[in-house]
């Protein structure tokens, strides 16, 4: 396997733009959603590490209202947004809303 990997042509990773360079708005939205999730669960240390590693300052994070606007999520008509659980992050609510009822844990699972 090692010899095959050595023979494989290597591409220059600097030659192509990264996904974040190709779509900086998508990167900023994703970074903002991760930060919002970390804040919602009081993961302050993780947030303090995440922001510098992502090259983002706290004042560069997009507010959730702007993210929803860019993603074309209508706050009034969206069933998902009307059923959000208070105190939970947007990401947590989104994942919960997308899961099939059969995927959700039951009370029996908690025992």
PDB file of N, CA and C in Angstrom:
ATOM      1  N   UNK A   1       0.838  -1.191   0.000  1.00  0.00           N
ATOM      2  CA  UNK A   1       0.000   0.000   0.000  1.00  0.00           C
ATOM      3  C   UNK A   1       0.880   1.250   0.000  1.00  0.00           C
ATOM      4  N   UNK A   2       1.923   1.232   0.819  1.00  0.00           N
ATOM      5  CA  UNK A   2       2.800   2.393   0.901  1.00  0.00           C
ATOM      6  C   UNK A   2       3.444   2.678  -0.449  1.00  0.00           C
ATOM      7  N   UNK A   3       3.910   1.634  -1.130  1.00  0.00           N
ATOM      8  CA  UNK A   3       4.544   1.860  -2.429  1.00  0.00           C
ATOM      9  C   UNK A   3       3.540   2.393  -3.447  1.00  0.00           C
ATOM     10  N   UNK A   4       2.294   1.942  -3.384  1.00  0.00           N
ATOM     11  CA  UNK A   4       1.266   2.452  -4.294  1.00  0.00           C
ATOM     12  C   UNK A   4       0.972   3.923  -4.011  1.00  0.00           C
ATOM     13  N   UNK A   5       0.955   4.276  -2.736  1.00  0.00           N
ATOM     14  CA  UNK A   5       0.711   5.670  -2.388  1.00  0.00           C
ATOM     15  C   UNK A   5       1.855   6.560  -2.870  1.00  0.00           C
ATOM     16  N   UNK A   6       3.070   6.034  -2.797  1.00  0.00           N
ATOM     17  CA  UNK A   6       4.215   6.814  -3.258  1.00  0.00           C
ATOM     18  C   UNK A   6       4.179   7.031  -4.766  1.00  0.00           C
ATOM     19  N   UNK A   7       3.606   6.055  -5.499  1.00  0.00           N
ATOM     20  CA  UNK A   7       3.515   6.161  -6.951  1.00  0.00           C
ATOM     21  C   UNK A   7       2.368   7.069  -7.388  1.00  0.00           C
ATOM     22  N   UNK A   8       1.375   7.220  -6.530  1.00  0.00           N
ATOM     23  CA  UNK A   8       0.185   8.003  -6.893  1.00  0.00           C
ATOM     24  C   UNK A   8       0.573   9.448  -7.149  1.00  0.00           C
ATOM     25  N   UNK A   9      -0.021  10.039  -8.177  1.00  0.00           N
ATOM     26  CA  UNK A   9       0.292  11.445  -8.457  1.00  0.00           C
ATOM     27  C   UNK A   9      -0.214  12.315  -7.311  1.00  0.00           C
ATOM     28  N   UNK A  10       0.600  13.262  -6.920  1.00  0.00           N
ATOM     29  CA  UNK A  10       0.228  14.159  -5.825  1.00  0.00           C
ATOM     30  C   UNK A  10      -0.220  15.485  -6.399  1.00  0.00           C
ATOM     31  N   UNK A  11      -1.334  15.938  -5.921  1.00  0.00           N
ATOM     32  CA  UNK A  11      -1.793  17.249  -6.365  1.00  0.00           C
ATOM     33  C   UNK A  11      -1.319  18.295  -5.364  1.00  0.00           C
ATOM     34  N   UNK A  12      -1.137  19.468  -5.854  1.00  0.00           N
ATOM     35  CA  UNK A  12      -0.701  20.570  -5.007  1.00  0.00           C
ATOM     36  C   UNK A  12      -1.928  21.155  -4.322  1.00  0.00           C
ATOM     37  N   UNK A  13      -2.044  21.001  -2.994  1.00  0.00           N
ATOM     38  CA  UNK A  13      -3.227  21.522  -2.312  1.00  0.00           C
ATOM     39  C   UNK A  13      -3.330  23.038  -2.392  1.00  0.00           C
ATOM     40  N   UNK A  14      -2.242  23.703  -2.687  1.00  0.00           N
ATOM     41  CA  UNK A  14      -2.281  25.156  -2.797  1.00  0.00           C
ATOM     42  C   UNK A  14      -2.811  25.616  -4.142  1.00  0.00           C
ATOM     43  N   UNK A  15      -2.901  24.700  -5.087  1.00  0.00           N
ATOM     44  CA  UNK A  15      -3.327  25.067  -6.435  1.00  0.00           C
ATOM     45  C   UNK A  15      -4.827  25.341  -6.506  1.00  0.00           C
ATOM     46  N   UNK A  16      -5.618  24.700  -5.702  1.00  0.00           N
ATOM     47  CA  UNK A  16      -7.061  24.866  -5.743  1.00  0.00           C
ATOM     48  C   UNK A  16      -7.535  25.637  -4.521  1.00  0.00           C
ATOM     49  N   UNK A  17      -8.542  26.473  -4.674  1.00  0.00           N
ATOM     50  CA  UNK A  17      -9.058  27.177  -3.501  1.00  0.00           C
ATOM     51  C   UNK A  17      -9.777  26.197  -2.589  1.00  0.00           C
ATOM     52  N   UNK A  18      -9.717  26.469  -1.292  1.00  0.00           N
ATOM     53  CA  UNK A  18     -10.448  25.642  -0.346  1.00  0.00           C
ATOM     54  C   UNK A  18     -11.929  25.983  -0.469  1.00  0.00           C
ATOM     55  N   UNK A  19     -12.765  25.155   0.123  1.00  0.00           N
ATOM     56  CA  UNK A  19     -14.199  25.420   0.070  1.00  0.00           C
ATOM     57  C   UNK A  19     -14.533  26.760   0.695  1.00  0.00           C
ATOM     58  N   UNK A  20     -13.849  27.098   1.800  1.00  0.00           N
ATOM     59  CA  UNK A  20     -14.145  28.363   2.459  1.00  0.00           C
ATOM     60  C   UNK A  20     -13.733  29.550   1.593  1.00  0.00           C
ATOM     61  N   UNK A  21     -12.686  29.391   0.782  1.00  0.00           N
ATOM     62  CA  UNK A  21     -12.293  30.467  -0.124  1.00  0.00           C
ATOM     63  C   UNK A  21     -13.250  30.555  -1.302  1.00  0.00           C
ATOM     64  N   UNK A  22     -13.758  29.418  -1.742  1.00  0.00           N
ATOM     65  CA  UNK A  22     -14.669  29.389  -2.877  1.00  0.00           C
ATOM     66  C   UNK A  22     -16.022  29.997  -2.506  1.00  0.00           C
ATOM     67  N   UNK A  23     -16.428  29.871  -1.251  1.00  0.00           N
ATOM     68  CA  UNK A  23     -17.706  30.411  -0.809  1.00  0.00           C
ATOM     69  C   UNK A  23     -17.556  30.970   0.605  1.00  0.00           C
ATOM     70  N   UNK A  24     -17.021  32.183   0.737  1.00  0.00           N
ATOM     71  CA  UNK A  24     -16.773  32.735   2.070  1.00  0.00           C
ATOM     72  C   UNK A  24     -18.051  32.972   2.875  1.00  0.00           C
ATOM     73  N   UNK A  25     -19.182  33.241   2.217  1.00  0.00           N
ATOM     74  CA  UNK A  25     -20.425  33.430   2.965  1.00  0.00           C
ATOM     75  C   UNK A  25     -20.865  32.127   3.609  1.00  0.00           C
ATOM     76  N   UNK A  26     -20.757  31.020   2.877  1.00  0.00           N
ATOM     77  CA  UNK A  26     -21.120  29.718   3.446  1.00  0.00           C
ATOM     78  C   UNK A  26     -20.230  29.394   4.642  1.00  0.00           C
ATOM     79  N   UNK A  27     -18.953  29.713   4.532  1.00  0.00           N
ATOM     80  CA  UNK A  27     -18.029  29.479   5.637  1.00  0.00           C
ATOM     81  C   UNK A  27     -18.417  30.324   6.850  1.00  0.00           C
ATOM     82  N   UNK A  28     -18.763  31.578   6.595  1.00  0.00           N
ATOM     83  CA  UNK A  28     -19.142  32.468   7.704  1.00  0.00           C
ATOM     84  C   UNK A  28     -20.429  32.002   8.367  1.00  0.00           C
ATOM     85  N   UNK A  29     -21.380  31.532   7.582  1.00  0.00           N
ATOM     86  CA  UNK A  29     -22.634  31.005   8.142  1.00  0.00           C
ATOM     87  C   UNK A  29     -22.350  29.767   8.985  1.00  0.00           C
ATOM     88  N   UNK A  30     -21.567  28.847   8.451  1.00  0.00           N
ATOM     89  CA  UNK A  30     -21.256  27.618   9.188  1.00  0.00           C
ATOM     90  C   UNK A  30     -20.518  27.934  10.488  1.00  0.00           C
ATOM     91  N   UNK A  31     -19.551  28.827  10.412  1.00  0.00           N
ATOM     92  CA  UNK A  31     -18.795  29.218  11.607  1.00  0.00           C
ATOM     93  C   UNK A  31     -19.725  29.853  12.632  1.00  0.00           C
ATOM     94  N   UNK A  32     -20.628  30.699  12.178  1.00  0.00           N
ATOM     95  CA  UNK A  32     -21.570  31.364  13.086  1.00  0.00           C
ATOM     96  C   UNK A  32     -22.506  30.364  13.746  1.00  0.00           C
ATOM     97  N   UNK A  33     -22.950  29.354  12.985  1.00  0.00           N
ATOM     98  CA  UNK A  33     -23.842  28.346  13.557  1.00  0.00           C
ATOM     99  C   UNK A  33     -23.123  27.482  14.592  1.00  0.00           C
ATOM    100  N   UNK A  34     -21.879  27.135  14.324  1.00  0.00           N
ATOM    101  CA  UNK A  34     -21.111  26.364  15.303  1.00  0.00           C
ATOM    102  C   UNK A  34     -20.920  27.191  16.570  1.00  0.00           C
ATOM    103  N   UNK A  35     -20.574  28.469  16.404  1.00  0.00           N
ATOM    104  CA  UNK A  35     -20.380  29.346  17.562  1.00  0.00           C
ATOM    105  C   UNK A  35     -21.673  29.498  18.354  1.00  0.00           C
ATOM    106  N   UNK A  36     -22.793  29.646  17.663  1.00  0.00           N
ATOM    107  CA  UNK A  36     -24.087  29.768  18.341  1.00  0.00           C
ATOM    108  C   UNK A  36     -24.387  28.509  19.136  1.00  0.00           C
ATOM    109  N   UNK A  37     -24.062  27.360  18.582  1.00  0.00           N
ATOM    110  CA  UNK A  37     -24.283  26.086  19.268  1.00  0.00           C
ATOM    111  C   UNK A  37     -23.400  25.987  20.523  1.00  0.00           C
ATOM    112  N   UNK A  38     -22.139  26.350  20.394  1.00  0.00           N
ATOM    113  CA  UNK A  38     -21.239  26.310  21.545  1.00  0.00           C
ATOM    114  C   UNK A  38     -21.698  27.265  22.647  1.00  0.00           C
ATOM    115  N   UNK A  39     -22.154  28.453  22.261  1.00  0.00           N
ATOM    116  CA  UNK A  39     -22.660  29.418  23.244  1.00  0.00           C
ATOM    117  C   UNK A  39     -23.894  28.888  23.959  1.00  0.00           C
ATOM    118  N   UNK A  40     -24.811  28.296  23.196  1.00  0.00           N
ATOM    119  CA  UNK A  40     -26.073  27.807  23.772  1.00  0.00           C
ATOM    120  C   UNK A  40     -25.834  26.768  24.860  1.00  0.00           C
ATOM    121  N   UNK A  41     -24.755  26.018  24.744  1.00  0.00           N
ATOM    122  CA  UNK A  41     -24.469  24.961  25.719  1.00  0.00           C
ATOM    123  C   UNK A  41     -23.329  25.326  26.653  1.00  0.00           C
ATOM    124  N   UNK A  42     -23.027  26.630  26.709  1.00  0.00           N
ATOM    125  CA  UNK A  42     -22.010  27.160  27.633  1.00  0.00           C
ATOM    126  C   UNK A  42     -20.650  26.494  27.473  1.00  0.00           C
ATOM    127  N   UNK A  43     -20.288  26.200  26.235  1.00  0.00           N
ATOM    128  CA  UNK A  43     -18.966  25.634  25.953  1.00  0.00           C
ATOM    129  C   UNK A  43     -18.012  26.794  25.663  1.00  0.00           C
ATOM    130  N   UNK A  44     -17.805  27.614  26.676  1.00  0.00           N
ATOM    131  CA  UNK A  44     -17.018  28.837  26.511  1.00  0.00           C
ATOM    132  C   UNK A  44     -15.572  28.556  26.129  1.00  0.00           C
ATOM    133  N   UNK A  45     -14.969  27.544  26.755  1.00  0.00           N
ATOM    134  CA  UNK A  45     -13.581  27.225  26.427  1.00  0.00           C
ATOM    135  C   UNK A  45     -13.472  26.765  24.976  1.00  0.00           C
ATOM    136  N   UNK A  46     -14.379  25.885  24.573  1.00  0.00           N
ATOM    137  CA  UNK A  46     -14.367  25.405  23.183  1.00  0.00           C
ATOM    138  C   UNK A  46     -14.559  26.560  22.216  1.00  0.00           C
ATOM    139  N   UNK A  47     -15.428  27.491  22.566  1.00  0.00           N
ATOM    140  CA  UNK A  47     -15.659  28.654  21.723  1.00  0.00           C
ATOM    141  C   UNK A  47     -14.405  29.525  21.651  1.00  0.00           C
ATOM    142  N   UNK A  48     -13.727  29.673  22.794  1.00  0.00           N
ATOM    143  CA  UNK A  48     -12.504  30.481  22.835  1.00  0.00           C
ATOM    144  C   UNK A  48     -11.404  29.873  21.972  1.00  0.00           C
ATOM    145  N   UNK A  49     -11.423  28.566  21.811  1.00  0.00           N
ATOM    146  CA  UNK A  49     -10.450  27.887  20.952  1.00  0.00           C
ATOM    147  C   UNK A  49     -10.932  27.916  19.496  1.00  0.00           C
ATOM    148  N   UNK A  50     -12.214  27.684  19.300  1.00  0.00           N
ATOM    149  CA  UNK A  50     -12.776  27.578  17.953  1.00  0.00           C
ATOM    150  C   UNK A  50     -12.640  28.872  17.152  1.00  0.00           C
ATOM    151  N   UNK A  51     -12.986  29.994  17.760  1.00  0.00           N
ATOM    152  CA  UNK A  51     -12.979  31.248  17.005  1.00  0.00           C
ATOM    153  C   UNK A  51     -11.604  31.586  16.428  1.00  0.00           C
ATOM    154  N   UNK A  52     -10.528  31.579  17.244  1.00  0.00           N
ATOM    155  CA  UNK A  52      -9.219  31.868  16.642  1.00  0.00           C
ATOM    156  C   UNK A  52      -8.786  30.821  15.615  1.00  0.00           C
ATOM    157  N   UNK A  53      -9.099  29.555  15.873  1.00  0.00           N
ATOM    158  CA  UNK A  53      -8.719  28.510  14.912  1.00  0.00           C
ATOM    159  C   UNK A  53      -9.453  28.672  13.587  1.00  0.00           C
ATOM    160  N   UNK A  54     -10.663  29.216  13.650  1.00  0.00           N
ATOM    161  CA  UNK A  54     -11.423  29.422  12.416  1.00  0.00           C
ATOM    162  C   UNK A  54     -11.087  30.763  11.770  1.00  0.00           C
ATOM    163  N   UNK A  55     -10.242  31.547  12.435  1.00  0.00           N
ATOM    164  CA  UNK A  55      -9.866  32.847  11.894  1.00  0.00           C
ATOM    165  C   UNK A  55     -10.988  33.859  11.974  1.00  0.00           C
ATOM    166  N   UNK A  56     -11.845  33.705  12.984  1.00  0.00           N
ATOM    167  CA  UNK A  56     -13.020  34.552  13.110  1.00  0.00           C
ATOM    168  C   UNK A  56     -13.000  35.300  14.435  1.00  0.00           C
ATOM    169  N   UNK A  57     -13.355  36.566  14.383  1.00  0.00           N
ATOM    170  CA  UNK A  57     -13.515  37.357  15.603  1.00  0.00           C
ATOM    171  C   UNK A  57     -14.979  37.301  16.007  1.00  0.00           C
ATOM    172  N   UNK A  58     -15.242  37.415  17.297  1.00  0.00           N
ATOM    173  CA  UNK A  58     -16.616  37.316  17.796  1.00  0.00           C
ATOM    174  C   UNK A  58     -17.548  38.323  17.123  1.00  0.00           C
ATOM    175  N   UNK A  59     -17.040  39.509  16.809  1.00  0.00           N
ATOM    176  CA  UNK A  59     -17.891  40.520  16.181  1.00  0.00           C
ATOM    177  C   UNK A  59     -18.125  40.254  14.685  1.00  0.00           C
ATOM    178  N   UNK A  60     -17.496  39.229  14.135  1.00  0.00           N
ATOM    179  CA  UNK A  60     -17.701  38.861  12.737  1.00  0.00           C
ATOM    180  C   UNK A  60     -18.776  37.786  12.564  1.00  0.00           C
ATOM    181  N   UNK A  61     -19.264  37.240  13.682  1.00  0.00           N
ATOM    182  CA  UNK A  61     -20.291  36.201  13.610  1.00  0.00           C
ATOM    183  C   UNK A  61     -21.613  36.811  13.152  1.00  0.00           C
ATOM    184  N   UNK A  62     -22.315  36.079  12.322  1.00  0.00           N
ATOM    185  CA  UNK A  62     -23.604  36.550  11.825  1.00  0.00           C
ATOM    186  C   UNK A  62     -24.701  36.256  12.835  1.00  0.00           C
ATOM    187  N   UNK A  63     -25.607  37.207  13.053  1.00  0.00           N
ATOM    188  CA  UNK A  63     -26.758  36.930  13.920  1.00  0.00           C
ATOM    189  C   UNK A  63     -27.670  35.899  13.259  1.00  0.00           C
ATOM    190  N   UNK A  64     -28.373  35.149  14.071  1.00  0.00           N
ATOM    191  CA  UNK A  64     -29.232  34.084  13.557  1.00  0.00           C
ATOM    192  C   UNK A  64     -30.268  34.625  12.576  1.00  0.00           C
ATOM    193  N   UNK A  65     -30.817  35.799  12.829  1.00  0.00           N
ATOM    194  CA  UNK A  65     -31.803  36.378  11.905  1.00  0.00           C
ATOM    195  C   UNK A  65     -31.216  36.569  10.510  1.00  0.00           C
ATOM    196  N   UNK A  66     -29.979  37.026  10.432  1.00  0.00           N
ATOM    197  CA  UNK A  66     -29.333  37.212   9.123  1.00  0.00           C
ATOM    198  C   UNK A  66     -29.076  35.873   8.446  1.00  0.00           C
ATOM    199  N   UNK A  67     -28.667  34.880   9.229  1.00  0.00           N
ATOM    200  CA  UNK A  67     -28.425  33.547   8.672  1.00  0.00           C
ATOM    201  C   UNK A  67     -29.719  32.997   8.076  1.00  0.00           C
ATOM    202  N   UNK A  68     -30.811  33.123   8.820  1.00  0.00           N
ATOM    203  CA  UNK A  68     -32.102  32.624   8.336  1.00  0.00           C
ATOM    204  C   UNK A  68     -32.512  33.341   7.054  1.00  0.00           C
ATOM    205  N   UNK A  69     -32.244  34.637   6.982  1.00  0.00           N
ATOM    206  CA  UNK A  69     -32.580  35.402   5.779  1.00  0.00           C
ATOM    207  C   UNK A  69     -31.771  34.903   4.578  1.00  0.00           C
ATOM    208  N   UNK A  70     -30.466  34.735   4.774  1.00  0.00           N
ATOM    209  CA  UNK A  70     -29.600  34.281   3.676  1.00  0.00           C
ATOM    210  C   UNK A  70     -29.991  32.869   3.233  1.00  0.00           C
ATOM    211  N   UNK A  71     -30.386  32.031   4.193  1.00  0.00           N
ATOM    212  CA  UNK A  71     -30.772  30.651   3.873  1.00  0.00           C
ATOM    213  C   UNK A  71     -32.221  30.551   3.386  1.00  0.00           C
ATOM    214  N   UNK A  72     -32.884  31.686   3.256  1.00  0.00           N
ATOM    215  CA  UNK A  72     -34.280  31.728   2.805  1.00  0.00           C
ATOM    216  C   UNK A  72     -35.219  30.944   3.712  1.00  0.00           C
ATOM    217  N   UNK A  73     -34.992  31.041   5.006  1.00  0.00           N
ATOM    218  CA  UNK A  73     -35.876  30.406   5.979  1.00  0.00           C
ATOM    219  C   UNK A  73     -36.817  31.482   6.495  1.00  0.00           C
ATOM    220  N   UNK A  74     -38.083  31.342   6.195  1.00  0.00           N
ATOM    221  CA  UNK A  74     -39.094  32.313   6.618  1.00  0.00           C
ATOM    222  C   UNK A  74     -39.440  32.048   8.070  1.00  0.00           C
ATOM    223  N   UNK A  75     -39.136  33.013   8.940  1.00  0.00           N
ATOM    224  CA  UNK A  75     -39.326  32.826  10.371  1.00  0.00           C
ATOM    225  C   UNK A  75     -40.785  32.637  10.760  1.00  0.00           C
ATOM    226  N   UNK A  76     -41.705  33.242  10.037  1.00  0.00           N
ATOM    227  CA  UNK A  76     -43.103  33.178  10.434  1.00  0.00           C
ATOM    228  C   UNK A  76     -43.761  31.882   9.980  1.00  0.00           C
ATOM    229  N   UNK A  77     -43.517  31.472   8.751  1.00  0.00           N
ATOM    230  CA  UNK A  77     -44.221  30.318   8.201  1.00  0.00           C
ATOM    231  C   UNK A  77     -43.523  28.991   8.457  1.00  0.00           C
ATOM    232  N   UNK A  78     -42.279  29.018   8.894  1.00  0.00           N
ATOM    233  CA  UNK A  78     -41.543  27.778   9.058  1.00  0.00           C
ATOM    234  C   UNK A  78     -42.023  27.009  10.288  1.00  0.00           C
ATOM    235  N   UNK A  79     -42.530  25.824  10.058  1.00  0.00           N
ATOM    236  CA  UNK A  79     -42.963  24.972  11.157  1.00  0.00           C
ATOM    237  C   UNK A  79     -41.801  24.665  12.094  1.00  0.00           C
ATOM    238  N   UNK A  80     -40.633  24.475  11.519  1.00  0.00           N
ATOM    239  CA  UNK A  80     -39.444  24.185  12.325  1.00  0.00           C
ATOM    240  C   UNK A  80     -39.170  25.312  13.315  1.00  0.00           C
ATOM    241  N   UNK A  81     -39.190  26.538  12.840  1.00  0.00           N
ATOM    242  CA  UNK A  81     -38.873  27.659  13.729  1.00  0.00           C
ATOM    243  C   UNK A  81     -39.957  27.887  14.765  1.00  0.00           C
ATOM    244  N   UNK A  82     -41.199  27.615  14.422  1.00  0.00           N
ATOM    245  CA  UNK A  82     -42.286  27.780  15.381  1.00  0.00           C
ATOM    246  C   UNK A  82     -42.207  26.754  16.500  1.00  0.00           C
ATOM    247  N   UNK A  83     -41.557  25.622  16.236  1.00  0.00           N
ATOM    248  CA  UNK A  83     -41.475  24.552  17.228  1.00  0.00           C
ATOM    249  C   UNK A  83     -40.111  24.448  17.890  1.00  0.00           C
ATOM    250  N   UNK A  84     -39.276  25.455  17.738  1.00  0.00           N
ATOM    251  CA  UNK A  84     -37.941  25.427  18.356  1.00  0.00           C
ATOM    252  C   UNK A  84     -38.070  25.353  19.865  1.00  0.00           C
ATOM    253  N   UNK A  85     -37.181  24.608  20.459  1.00  0.00           N
ATOM    254  CA  UNK A  85     -37.140  24.521  21.911  1.00  0.00           C
ATOM    255  C   UNK A  85     -36.290  25.653  22.443  1.00  0.00           C
ATOM    256  N   UNK A  86     -36.834  26.410  23.370  1.00  0.00           N
ATOM    257  CA  UNK A  86     -36.104  27.529  23.960  1.00  0.00           C
ATOM    258  C   UNK A  86     -34.852  27.029  24.654  1.00  0.00           C
ATOM    259  N   UNK A  87     -33.783  27.775  24.518  1.00  0.00           N
ATOM    260  CA  UNK A  87     -32.535  27.417  25.181  1.00  0.00           C
ATOM    261  C   UNK A  87     -31.695  26.400  24.420  1.00  0.00           C
ATOM    262  N   UNK A  88     -32.213  25.898  23.307  1.00  0.00           N
ATOM    263  CA  UNK A  88     -31.467  24.947  22.493  1.00  0.00           C
ATOM    264  C   UNK A  88     -30.881  25.703  21.309  1.00  0.00           C
ATOM    265  N   UNK A  89     -29.765  25.228  20.814  1.00  0.00           N
ATOM    266  CA  UNK A  89     -29.150  25.895  19.668  1.00  0.00           C
ATOM    267  C   UNK A  89     -29.952  25.639  18.397  1.00  0.00           C
ATOM    268  N   UNK A  90     -29.744  26.501  17.422  1.00  0.00           N
ATOM    269  CA  UNK A  90     -30.381  26.337  16.119  1.00  0.00           C
ATOM    270  C   UNK A  90     -29.990  24.993  15.513  1.00  0.00           C
ATOM    271  N   UNK A  91     -28.699  24.648  15.613  1.00  0.00           N
ATOM    272  CA  UNK A  91     -28.218  23.390  15.041  1.00  0.00           C
ATOM    273  C   UNK A  91     -28.911  22.209  15.705  1.00  0.00           C
ATOM    274  N   UNK A  92     -29.045  22.238  17.027  1.00  0.00           N
ATOM    275  CA  UNK A  92     -29.693  21.140  17.748  1.00  0.00           C
ATOM    276  C   UNK A  92     -31.141  21.011  17.296  1.00  0.00           C
ATOM    277  N   UNK A  93     -31.831  22.142  17.201  1.00  0.00           N
ATOM    278  CA  UNK A  93     -33.224  22.116  16.759  1.00  0.00           C
ATOM    279  C   UNK A  93     -33.348  21.634  15.321  1.00  0.00           C
ATOM    280  N   UNK A  94     -32.417  22.031  14.477  1.00  0.00           N
ATOM    281  CA  UNK A  94     -32.451  21.595  13.084  1.00  0.00           C
ATOM    282  C   UNK A  94     -32.252  20.088  12.976  1.00  0.00           C
ATOM    283  N   UNK A  95     -31.267  19.575  13.674  1.00  0.00           N
ATOM    284  CA  UNK A  95     -31.013  18.132  13.649  1.00  0.00           C
ATOM    285  C   UNK A  95     -32.224  17.379  14.195  1.00  0.00           C
ATOM    286  N   UNK A  96     -32.797  17.862  15.285  1.00  0.00           N
ATOM    287  CA  UNK A  96     -33.973  17.215  15.875  1.00  0.00           C
ATOM    288  C   UNK A  96     -35.153  17.219  14.912  1.00  0.00           C
ATOM    289  N   UNK A  97     -35.332  18.336  14.202  1.00  0.00           N
ATOM    290  CA  UNK A  97     -36.445  18.447  13.265  1.00  0.00           C
ATOM    291  C   UNK A  97     -36.262  17.532  12.059  1.00  0.00           C
ATOM    292  N   UNK A  98     -35.016  17.300  11.659  1.00  0.00           N
ATOM    293  CA  UNK A  98     -34.757  16.473  10.481  1.00  0.00           C
ATOM    294  C   UNK A  98     -34.768  14.978  10.767  1.00  0.00           C
ATOM    295  N   UNK A  99     -34.646  14.624  12.037  1.00  0.00           N
ATOM    296  CA  UNK A  99     -34.640  13.197  12.377  1.00  0.00           C
ATOM    297  C   UNK A  99     -36.050  12.630  12.231  1.00  0.00           C
ATOM    298  N   UNK A 100     -36.114  11.387  11.792  1.00  0.00           N
ATOM    299  CA  UNK A 100     -37.397  10.707  11.706  1.00  0.00           C
ATOM    300  C   UNK A 100     -37.846  10.355  13.123  1.00  0.00           C
ATOM    301  N   UNK A 101     -39.142  10.354  13.386  1.00  0.00           N
ATOM    302  CA  UNK A 101     -39.606  10.000  14.732  1.00  0.00           C
ATOM    303  C   UNK A 101     -39.049   8.654  15.217  1.00  0.00           C
ATOM    304  N   UNK A 102     -38.829   7.724  14.312  1.00  0.00           N
ATOM    305  CA  UNK A 102     -38.296   6.420  14.715  1.00  0.00           C
ATOM    306  C   UNK A 102     -36.842   6.513  15.173  1.00  0.00           C
ATOM    307  N   UNK A 103     -36.137   7.594  14.798  1.00  0.00           N
ATOM    308  CA  UNK A 103     -34.743   7.784  15.205  1.00  0.00           C
ATOM    309  C   UNK A 103     -34.614   8.413  16.582  1.00  0.00           C
ATOM    310  N   UNK A 104     -35.700   9.027  17.060  1.00  0.00           N
ATOM    311  CA  UNK A 104     -35.626   9.721  18.338  1.00  0.00           C
ATOM    312  C   UNK A 104     -35.656   8.736  19.495  1.00  0.00           C
ATOM    313  N   UNK A 105     -34.902   9.036  20.565  1.00  0.00           N
ATOM    314  CA  UNK A 105     -34.921   8.141  21.723  1.00  0.00           C
ATOM    315  C   UNK A 105     -36.281   8.162  22.408  1.00  0.00           C
ATOM    316  N   UNK A 106     -36.658   7.058  22.965  1.00  0.00           N
ATOM    317  CA  UNK A 106     -37.907   6.969  23.701  1.00  0.00           C
ATOM    318  C   UNK A 106     -37.595   6.990  25.190  1.00  0.00           C
ATOM    319  N   UNK A 107     -38.640   7.072  26.008  1.00  0.00           N
ATOM    320  CA  UNK A 107     -38.439   7.056  27.456  1.00  0.00           C
ATOM    321  C   UNK A 107     -37.808   5.735  27.898  1.00  0.00           C
ATOM    322  N   UNK A 108     -38.131   4.663  27.202  1.00  0.00           N
ATOM    323  CA  UNK A 108     -37.570   3.349  27.531  1.00  0.00           C
ATOM    324  C   UNK A 108     -36.068   3.332  27.279  1.00  0.00           C
ATOM    325  N   UNK A 109     -35.610   4.078  26.254  1.00  0.00           N
ATOM    326  CA  UNK A 109     -34.178   4.158  25.954  1.00  0.00           C
ATOM    327  C   UNK A 109     -33.409   4.842  27.063  1.00  0.00           C
ATOM    328  N   UNK A 110     -34.065   5.767  27.753  1.00  0.00           N
ATOM    329  CA  UNK A 110     -33.383   6.540  28.804  1.00  0.00           C
ATOM    330  C   UNK A 110     -33.153   5.712  30.064  1.00  0.00           C
ATOM    331  N   UNK A 111     -33.881   4.646  30.215  1.00  0.00           N
ATOM    332  CA  UNK A 111     -33.767   3.824  31.436  1.00  0.00           C
ATOM    333  C   UNK A 111     -32.585   2.901  31.413  1.00  0.00           C
TER     334      UNK A 111
END
